[in-house]
Amino acid sequence: MKLVVIGDPDFNLGFGLGGIPTENVYNVINDEELVDAVKKVLEDKDVGIVVIKQDYLEKLPLALKREIDERVRPTFVSVGGTGSVEELRNKIRKAIGVDLWK
């Protein structure tokens, strides 16, 4: 399973320094590149987790957001915004079928 990162170059820099391979990092500058990157990730069966900048997740078209929400894999985790622990809890529960907080 691969971990993939989608964000602007500044956001992605830390992940690269943390050891995420450059082929798993999508540097996006505009909305068109963002949509293309998300579609590529959704087509890749080896991707398990996608870390995406919160602002970018909110910019996605409604149909693409809906597809992301309905899928179990890959699991999208937004970072850098106002996301809550409850959001992460729901994603984990959806992905593995167990509520780890109980």
N, C-alpha and C. Protein backbone atom coordinates (compact mmCIF):
# COMPACT_ATOMS: atom_id res chain seq x y z
N MET A 1 0.83 -1.19 0.00
CA MET A 1 0.00 0.00 0.00
C MET A 1 0.87 1.25 0.00
N LYS A 2 0.48 2.18 -0.84
CA LYS A 2 1.23 3.44 -0.92
C LYS A 2 0.51 4.54 -0.16
N LEU A 3 1.31 5.46 0.37
CA LEU A 3 0.81 6.69 0.94
C LEU A 3 1.12 7.78 -0.08
N VAL A 4 0.12 8.57 -0.44
CA VAL A 4 0.26 9.61 -1.44
C VAL A 4 -0.08 10.94 -0.79
N VAL A 5 0.60 12.00 -1.23
CA VAL A 5 0.37 13.35 -0.72
C VAL A 5 -0.02 14.25 -1.88
N ILE A 6 -1.08 15.05 -1.67
CA ILE A 6 -1.53 16.02 -2.67
C ILE A 6 -1.57 17.39 -2.01
N GLY A 7 -0.83 18.33 -2.58
CA GLY A 7 -0.84 19.69 -2.04
C GLY A 7 0.08 20.58 -2.84
N ASP A 8 0.25 21.80 -2.36
CA ASP A 8 1.17 22.71 -3.04
C ASP A 8 2.60 22.35 -2.63
N PRO A 9 3.60 22.85 -3.36
CA PRO A 9 4.98 22.48 -3.06
C PRO A 9 5.41 22.77 -1.61
N ASP A 10 4.94 23.85 -1.02
CA ASP A 10 5.30 24.14 0.37
C ASP A 10 4.73 23.11 1.32
N PHE A 11 3.47 22.72 1.10
CA PHE A 11 2.81 21.71 1.93
C PHE A 11 3.53 20.37 1.80
N ASN A 12 3.90 20.02 0.58
CA ASN A 12 4.49 18.71 0.30
C ASN A 12 5.94 18.58 0.74
N LEU A 13 6.62 19.69 0.93
CA LEU A 13 8.04 19.66 1.27
C LEU A 13 8.32 18.82 2.51
N GLY A 14 7.56 19.01 3.54
CA GLY A 14 7.78 18.25 4.78
C GLY A 14 7.61 16.76 4.61
N PHE A 15 6.65 16.37 3.78
CA PHE A 15 6.44 14.94 3.54
C PHE A 15 7.62 14.34 2.78
N GLY A 16 8.15 15.11 1.84
CA GLY A 16 9.34 14.65 1.12
C GLY A 16 10.52 14.49 2.05
N LEU A 17 10.69 15.46 2.94
CA LEU A 17 11.78 15.37 3.92
C LEU A 17 11.57 14.23 4.89
N GLY A 18 10.31 13.86 5.09
CA GLY A 18 9.98 12.76 5.99
C GLY A 18 10.12 11.39 5.35
N GLY A 19 10.47 11.35 4.06
CA GLY A 19 10.75 10.07 3.42
C GLY A 19 9.73 9.60 2.42
N ILE A 20 8.70 10.39 2.15
CA ILE A 20 7.73 9.98 1.13
C ILE A 20 8.39 10.13 -0.24
N PRO A 21 8.41 9.07 -1.04
CA PRO A 21 9.06 9.14 -2.36
C PRO A 21 8.42 10.20 -3.26
N THR A 22 9.22 10.84 -4.08
CA THR A 22 8.73 11.92 -4.93
C THR A 22 7.65 11.46 -5.90
N GLU A 23 7.66 10.20 -6.30
CA GLU A 23 6.62 9.72 -7.21
C GLU A 23 5.26 9.59 -6.51
N ASN A 24 5.25 9.67 -5.18
CA ASN A 24 4.01 9.60 -4.42
C ASN A 24 3.55 10.97 -3.96
N VAL A 25 4.19 12.02 -4.44
CA VAL A 25 3.84 13.39 -4.05
C VAL A 25 3.38 14.14 -5.28
N TYR A 26 2.17 14.68 -5.20
CA TYR A 26 1.59 15.46 -6.30
C TYR A 26 1.62 16.94 -5.93
N ASN A 27 2.49 17.69 -6.60
CA ASN A 27 2.55 19.14 -6.43
C ASN A 27 1.54 19.76 -7.38
N VAL A 28 0.51 20.37 -6.83
CA VAL A 28 -0.53 20.98 -7.66
C VAL A 28 -0.55 22.48 -7.42
N ILE A 29 -0.74 23.22 -8.50
CA ILE A 29 -0.73 24.67 -8.44
C ILE A 29 -2.12 25.25 -8.66
N ASN A 30 -2.93 24.59 -9.52
CA ASN A 30 -4.25 25.13 -9.83
C ASN A 30 -5.31 24.04 -9.70
N ASP A 31 -6.57 24.44 -9.87
CA ASP A 31 -7.69 23.52 -9.69
C ASP A 31 -7.68 22.37 -10.70
N GLU A 32 -7.26 22.65 -11.92
CA GLU A 32 -7.22 21.61 -12.95
C GLU A 32 -6.21 20.52 -12.57
N GLU A 33 -5.04 20.92 -12.12
CA GLU A 33 -4.03 19.95 -11.69
C GLU A 33 -4.52 19.16 -10.48
N LEU A 34 -5.25 19.83 -9.61
CA LEU A 34 -5.79 19.17 -8.42
C LEU A 34 -6.75 18.05 -8.81
N VAL A 35 -7.69 18.35 -9.69
CA VAL A 35 -8.66 17.35 -10.12
C VAL A 35 -7.95 16.19 -10.83
N ASP A 36 -6.99 16.50 -11.68
CA ASP A 36 -6.23 15.45 -12.38
C ASP A 36 -5.49 14.55 -11.40
N ALA A 37 -4.86 15.15 -10.39
CA ALA A 37 -4.12 14.37 -9.40
C ALA A 37 -5.05 13.45 -8.61
N VAL A 38 -6.18 13.96 -8.19
CA VAL A 38 -7.13 13.14 -7.43
C VAL A 38 -7.64 11.99 -8.29
N LYS A 39 -7.96 12.25 -9.54
CA LYS A 39 -8.44 11.19 -10.43
C LYS A 39 -7.38 10.11 -10.64
N LYS A 40 -6.11 10.52 -10.79
CA LYS A 40 -5.02 9.54 -10.95
C LYS A 40 -4.89 8.66 -9.70
N VAL A 41 -4.99 9.29 -8.55
CA VAL A 41 -4.88 8.56 -7.29
C VAL A 41 -6.03 7.57 -7.14
N LEU A 42 -7.24 7.98 -7.50
CA LEU A 42 -8.40 7.09 -7.39
C LEU A 42 -8.28 5.89 -8.32
N GLU A 43 -7.59 6.03 -9.44
CA GLU A 43 -7.40 4.93 -10.38
C GLU A 43 -6.30 3.96 -9.96
N ASP A 44 -5.39 4.40 -9.10
CA ASP A 44 -4.25 3.58 -8.68
C ASP A 44 -4.67 2.64 -7.55
N LYS A 45 -4.73 1.37 -7.84
CA LYS A 45 -5.18 0.37 -6.86
C LYS A 45 -4.18 0.14 -5.72
N ASP A 46 -2.95 0.62 -5.88
CA ASP A 46 -1.94 0.43 -4.85
C ASP A 46 -1.98 1.50 -3.76
N VAL A 47 -2.78 2.54 -3.95
CA VAL A 47 -2.83 3.64 -2.98
C VAL A 47 -3.80 3.29 -1.86
N GLY A 48 -3.32 3.40 -0.62
CA GLY A 48 -4.16 3.11 0.54
C GLY A 48 -4.60 4.36 1.28
N ILE A 49 -3.69 5.33 1.38
CA ILE A 49 -3.98 6.57 2.12
C ILE A 49 -3.52 7.75 1.28
N VAL A 50 -4.37 8.77 1.24
CA VAL A 50 -4.04 10.00 0.55
C VAL A 50 -4.10 11.13 1.57
N VAL A 51 -2.97 11.80 1.76
CA VAL A 51 -2.93 12.99 2.61
C VAL A 51 -3.10 14.17 1.67
N ILE A 52 -4.12 14.99 1.95
CA ILE A 52 -4.41 16.11 1.06
C ILE A 52 -4.58 17.37 1.90
N LYS A 53 -4.13 18.46 1.36
CA LYS A 53 -4.28 19.75 2.04
C LYS A 53 -5.77 20.06 2.17
N GLN A 54 -6.19 20.46 3.36
CA GLN A 54 -7.61 20.70 3.65
C GLN A 54 -8.25 21.66 2.64
N ASP A 55 -7.57 22.76 2.33
CA ASP A 55 -8.11 23.73 1.38
C ASP A 55 -8.36 23.10 0.02
N TYR A 56 -7.50 22.18 -0.37
CA TYR A 56 -7.64 21.54 -1.67
C TYR A 56 -8.83 20.58 -1.69
N LEU A 57 -9.03 19.88 -0.60
CA LEU A 57 -10.16 18.97 -0.52
C LEU A 57 -11.47 19.73 -0.66
N GLU A 58 -11.54 20.91 -0.09
CA GLU A 58 -12.74 21.73 -0.17
C GLU A 58 -12.97 22.30 -1.57
N LYS A 59 -11.92 22.43 -2.38
CA LYS A 59 -12.02 22.98 -3.73
C LYS A 59 -12.53 21.96 -4.75
N LEU A 60 -12.52 20.69 -4.41
CA LEU A 60 -12.90 19.66 -5.38
C LEU A 60 -14.36 19.79 -5.78
N PRO A 61 -14.68 19.43 -7.03
CA PRO A 61 -16.07 19.42 -7.46
C PRO A 61 -16.90 18.45 -6.61
N LEU A 62 -18.17 18.76 -6.45
CA LEU A 62 -19.05 17.99 -5.59
C LEU A 62 -19.08 16.50 -5.95
N ALA A 63 -19.13 16.19 -7.24
CA ALA A 63 -19.17 14.79 -7.67
C ALA A 63 -17.91 14.03 -7.23
N LEU A 64 -16.76 14.67 -7.30
CA LEU A 64 -15.51 14.03 -6.91
C LEU A 64 -15.44 13.88 -5.38
N LYS A 65 -15.92 14.88 -4.66
CA LYS A 65 -15.98 14.76 -3.19
C LYS A 65 -16.87 13.59 -2.78
N ARG A 66 -17.99 13.47 -3.46
CA ARG A 66 -18.93 12.38 -3.15
C ARG A 66 -18.28 11.03 -3.40
N GLU A 67 -17.55 10.91 -4.52
CA GLU A 67 -16.86 9.65 -4.82
C GLU A 67 -15.83 9.31 -3.75
N ILE A 68 -15.09 10.32 -3.30
CA ILE A 68 -14.10 10.11 -2.24
C ILE A 68 -14.76 9.65 -0.96
N ASP A 69 -15.89 10.26 -0.60
CA ASP A 69 -16.59 9.91 0.64
C ASP A 69 -17.17 8.51 0.60
N GLU A 70 -17.57 8.04 -0.57
CA GLU A 70 -18.20 6.73 -0.69
C GLU A 70 -17.20 5.59 -0.75
N ARG A 71 -15.96 5.88 -1.05
CA ARG A 71 -14.94 4.83 -1.15
C ARG A 71 -14.34 4.50 0.21
N VAL A 72 -13.97 3.25 0.35
CA VAL A 72 -13.24 2.84 1.53
C VAL A 72 -11.75 3.01 1.31
N ARG A 73 -11.32 2.70 0.09
CA ARG A 73 -9.91 2.83 -0.24
C ARG A 73 -9.77 3.50 -1.59
N PRO A 74 -8.92 4.44 -1.73
CA PRO A 74 -8.04 4.97 -0.70
C PRO A 74 -8.79 5.87 0.29
N THR A 75 -8.24 5.95 1.47
CA THR A 75 -8.80 6.81 2.50
C THR A 75 -8.11 8.17 2.40
N PHE A 76 -8.91 9.22 2.29
CA PHE A 76 -8.38 10.57 2.21
C PHE A 76 -8.35 11.18 3.61
N VAL A 77 -7.20 11.71 3.98
CA VAL A 77 -7.02 12.38 5.27
C VAL A 77 -6.62 13.81 4.97
N SER A 78 -7.45 14.75 5.41
CA SER A 78 -7.13 16.16 5.16
C SER A 78 -6.30 16.70 6.31
N VAL A 79 -5.34 17.54 5.96
CA VAL A 79 -4.40 18.09 6.93
C VAL A 79 -4.28 19.59 6.71
N GLY A 80 -4.11 20.32 7.80
CA GLY A 80 -3.82 21.74 7.67
C GLY A 80 -5.03 22.63 7.72
N GLY A 81 -6.17 22.09 8.08
CA GLY A 81 -7.36 22.92 8.14
C GLY A 81 -8.03 22.80 9.49
N THR A 82 -9.33 22.95 9.45
CA THR A 82 -10.09 22.93 10.70
C THR A 82 -10.74 21.57 10.93
N GLY A 83 -10.21 20.51 10.33
CA GLY A 83 -10.75 19.17 10.52
C GLY A 83 -10.72 18.77 11.98
N SER A 84 -11.65 17.92 12.36
CA SER A 84 -11.75 17.56 13.76
C SER A 84 -11.36 16.11 14.00
N VAL A 85 -11.22 15.78 15.26
CA VAL A 85 -10.94 14.40 15.64
C VAL A 85 -12.11 13.51 15.25
N GLU A 86 -13.31 14.06 15.34
CA GLU A 86 -14.51 13.28 14.98
C GLU A 86 -14.48 12.88 13.50
N GLU A 87 -14.00 13.76 12.65
CA GLU A 87 -13.88 13.45 11.22
C GLU A 87 -12.91 12.30 11.01
N LEU A 88 -11.77 12.34 11.67
CA LEU A 88 -10.80 11.26 11.57
C LEU A 88 -11.37 9.96 12.12
N ARG A 89 -12.09 10.05 13.23
CA ARG A 89 -12.72 8.88 13.84
C ARG A 89 -13.68 8.21 12.85
N ASN A 90 -14.49 9.01 12.18
CA ASN A 90 -15.44 8.47 11.21
C ASN A 90 -14.74 7.82 10.03
N LYS A 91 -13.63 8.41 9.58
CA LYS A 91 -12.89 7.82 8.46
C LYS A 91 -12.29 6.47 8.85
N ILE A 92 -11.74 6.38 10.05
CA ILE A 92 -11.16 5.11 10.51
C ILE A 92 -12.25 4.07 10.66
N ARG A 93 -13.38 4.46 11.24
CA ARG A 93 -14.49 3.53 11.41
C ARG A 93 -14.97 3.02 10.05
N LYS A 94 -15.05 3.91 9.07
CA LYS A 94 -15.49 3.52 7.74
C LYS A 94 -14.48 2.59 7.07
N ALA A 95 -13.19 2.89 7.25
CA ALA A 95 -12.13 2.11 6.57
C ALA A 95 -11.98 0.70 7.14
N ILE A 96 -12.04 0.57 8.47
CA ILE A 96 -11.77 -0.75 9.05
C ILE A 96 -13.00 -1.41 9.69
N GLY A 97 -14.10 -0.64 9.79
CA GLY A 97 -15.32 -1.20 10.32
C GLY A 97 -15.40 -1.31 11.82
N VAL A 98 -14.45 -0.66 12.51
CA VAL A 98 -14.42 -0.71 13.98
C VAL A 98 -14.19 0.69 14.52
N ASP A 99 -14.89 1.02 15.59
CA ASP A 99 -14.68 2.31 16.24
C ASP A 99 -13.59 2.14 17.29
N LEU A 100 -12.42 2.66 17.02
CA LEU A 100 -11.27 2.48 17.91
C LEU A 100 -11.37 3.30 19.18
N TRP A 101 -12.30 4.25 19.24
CA TRP A 101 -12.42 5.10 20.41
C TRP A 101 -13.31 4.48 21.49
N LYS A 102 -13.93 3.34 21.21
CA LYS A 102 -14.80 2.71 22.21
C LYS A 102 -14.04 1.67 22.99
